[in-house]
C-alpha atoms as a PDB file:
ATOM      1  CA  MET A   1       0.000   0.000   0.000  1.00  0.00           C
ATOM      2  CA  ALA A   2       2.843   2.345   0.803  1.00  0.00           C
ATOM      3  CA  GLU A   3       4.205   1.857  -2.705  1.00  0.00           C
ATOM      4  CA  ALA A   4       0.781   2.629  -4.186  1.00  0.00           C
ATOM      5  CA  VAL A   5       0.705   5.872  -2.183  1.00  0.00           C
ATOM      6  CA  ARG A   6       4.201   6.829  -3.388  1.00  0.00           C
ATOM      7  CA  GLU A   7       3.227   6.013  -6.988  1.00  0.00           C
ATOM      8  CA  ARG A   8       0.261   8.393  -6.804  1.00  0.00           C
ATOM      9  CA  VAL A   9       2.635  11.163  -5.758  1.00  0.00           C
ATOM     10  CA  ARG A  10       5.250  10.236  -8.408  1.00  0.00           C
ATOM     11  CA  SER A  11       2.587  10.296 -11.116  1.00  0.00           C
ATOM     12  CA  GLY A  12       1.683  13.859 -10.172  1.00  0.00           C
ATOM     13  CA  GLU A  13      -1.853  12.886  -9.252  1.00  0.00           C
ATOM     14  CA  TYR A  14      -1.201  14.136  -5.704  1.00  0.00           C
ATOM     15  CA  ALA A  15       1.240  16.682  -4.304  1.00  0.00           C
ATOM     16  CA  SER A  16       2.152  14.628  -1.229  1.00  0.00           C
ATOM     17  CA  GLU A  17       1.648  11.297   0.464  1.00  0.00           C
ATOM     18  CA  SER A  18      -0.421  13.105   3.066  1.00  0.00           C
ATOM     19  CA  ASP A  19      -2.799  14.274   0.337  1.00  0.00           C
ATOM     20  CA  VAL A  20      -3.228  10.661  -0.861  1.00  0.00           C
ATOM     21  CA  ILE A  21      -4.024   9.477   2.667  1.00  0.00           C
ATOM     22  CA  ARG A  22      -6.404  12.385   3.262  1.00  0.00           C
ATOM     23  CA  ASP A  23      -8.279  11.669   0.023  1.00  0.00           C
ATOM     24  CA  GLY A  24      -8.436   7.963   0.847  1.00  0.00           C
ATOM     25  CA  LEU A  25      -9.846   8.689   4.299  1.00  0.00           C
ATOM     26  CA  ARG A  26     -12.464  11.005   2.820  1.00  0.00           C
ATOM     27  CA  ALA A  27     -13.521   8.244   0.415  1.00  0.00           C
ATOM     28  CA  LEU A  28     -13.665   5.756   3.288  1.00  0.00           C
ATOM     29  CA  PHE A  29     -15.787   8.088   5.426  1.00  0.00           C
ATOM     30  CA  THR A  30     -18.112   8.742   2.484  1.00  0.00           C
ATOM     31  CA  ARG A  31     -18.506   5.021   1.819  1.00  0.00           C
ATOM     32  CA  ASP A  32     -19.175   4.341   5.485  1.00  0.00           C
ATOM     33  CA  GLN A  33     -21.865   7.026   5.557  1.00  0.00           C
ATOM     34  CA  VAL A  34     -23.509   5.625   2.426  1.00  0.00           C
ATOM     35  CA  VAL A  35     -23.585   2.128   3.945  1.00  0.00           C
ATOM     36  CA  LYS A  36     -24.930   3.467   7.247  1.00  0.00           C
ATOM     37  CA  THR A  37     -27.673   5.407   5.450  1.00  0.00           C
ATOM     38  CA  TRP A  38     -28.601   2.315   3.421  1.00  0.00           C
ATOM     39  CA  LEU A  39     -28.681   0.096   6.506  1.00  0.00           C
ATOM     40  CA  HIS A  40     -30.796   2.497   8.530  1.00  0.00           C
ATOM     41  CA  GLY A  41     -33.067   3.389   5.640  1.00  0.00           C
ATOM     42  CA  GLN A  42     -33.701   0.436   3.388  1.00  0.00           C
ATOM     43  CA  VAL A  43     -32.486  -2.564   5.365  1.00  0.00           C
ATOM     44  CA  ALA A  44     -34.058  -1.544   8.670  1.00  0.00           C
ATOM     45  CA  ALA A  45     -37.321  -0.647   6.930  1.00  0.00           C
ATOM     46  CA  ALA A  46     -37.413  -4.013   5.143  1.00  0.00           C
ATOM     47  CA  TYR A  47     -36.705  -5.841   8.390  1.00  0.00           C
ATOM     48  CA  ASP A  48     -39.430  -3.914  10.209  1.00  0.00           C
ATOM     49  CA  ALA A  49     -41.887  -4.719   7.425  1.00  0.00           C
ATOM     50  CA  LEU A  50     -41.083  -8.429   7.614  1.00  0.00           C
ATOM     51  CA  VAL A  51     -41.420  -8.457  11.389  1.00  0.00           C
ATOM     52  CA  ALA A  52     -44.794  -6.716  11.058  1.00  0.00           C
ATOM     53  CA  ASP A  53     -46.009  -9.261   8.472  1.00  0.00           C
ATOM     54  CA  PRO A  54     -43.977 -12.486   8.467  1.00  0.00           C
ATOM     55  CA  ASN A  55     -46.234 -13.935   5.754  1.00  0.00           C
ATOM     56  CA  ASP A  56     -44.285 -11.862   3.220  1.00  0.00           C
ATOM     57  CA  ILE A  57     -41.027 -13.694   3.951  1.00  0.00           C
ATOM     58  CA  VAL A  58     -39.542 -15.555   0.993  1.00  0.00           C
ATOM     59  CA  THR A  59     -36.839 -18.021   1.988  1.00  0.00           C
ATOM     60  CA  ALA A  60     -33.890 -19.136  -0.080  1.00  0.00           C
ATOM     61  CA  SER A  61     -35.582 -22.521  -0.368  1.00  0.00           C
ATOM     62  CA  ASP A  62     -38.691 -20.844  -1.777  1.00  0.00           C
ATOM     63  CA  VAL A  63     -36.611 -19.024  -4.381  1.00  0.00           C
ATOM     64  CA  ARG A  64     -34.756 -22.203  -5.376  1.00  0.00           C
ATOM     65  CA  ALA A  65     -38.058 -24.080  -5.726  1.00  0.00           C
ATOM     66  CA  GLN A  66     -39.518 -21.320  -7.905  1.00  0.00           C
ATOM     67  CA  LEU A  67     -36.385 -21.297 -10.077  1.00  0.00           C
ATOM     68  CA  ALA A  68     -36.516 -25.080 -10.433  1.00  0.00           C
ATOM     69  CA  VAL A  69     -40.110 -24.873 -11.617  1.00  0.00           C
ATOM     70  CA  ARG A  70     -39.223 -22.176 -14.155  1.00  0.00           C
ATOM     71  CA  HIS A  71     -36.198 -24.123 -15.339  1.00  0.00           C
ATOM     72  CA  ALA A  72     -38.288 -27.291 -15.760  1.00  0.00           C
ATOM     73  CA  ALA A  73     -40.817 -25.294 -17.753  1.00  0.00           C
ATOM     74  CA  GLY A  74     -38.062 -24.049 -20.051  1.00  0.00           C
ATOM     75  CA  ARG A  75     -38.230 -20.406 -19.049  1.00  0.00           C
END
């Protein structure tokens, strides 16, 4: 990783190794925030919906069975 940082500086893409690290940390923080937002928004909402109505749950076995039927039917 250290060599990759030095290469970014050598290529002129960044002025210093510190700038590379700073940019990498910003990207990491942004990614973490996106994942957190997704988890709290979509994943938590989907979980809450399934807890509220467990009849809507589709298991992996259900999906495999449906795919097997479609495959047998040639679709």
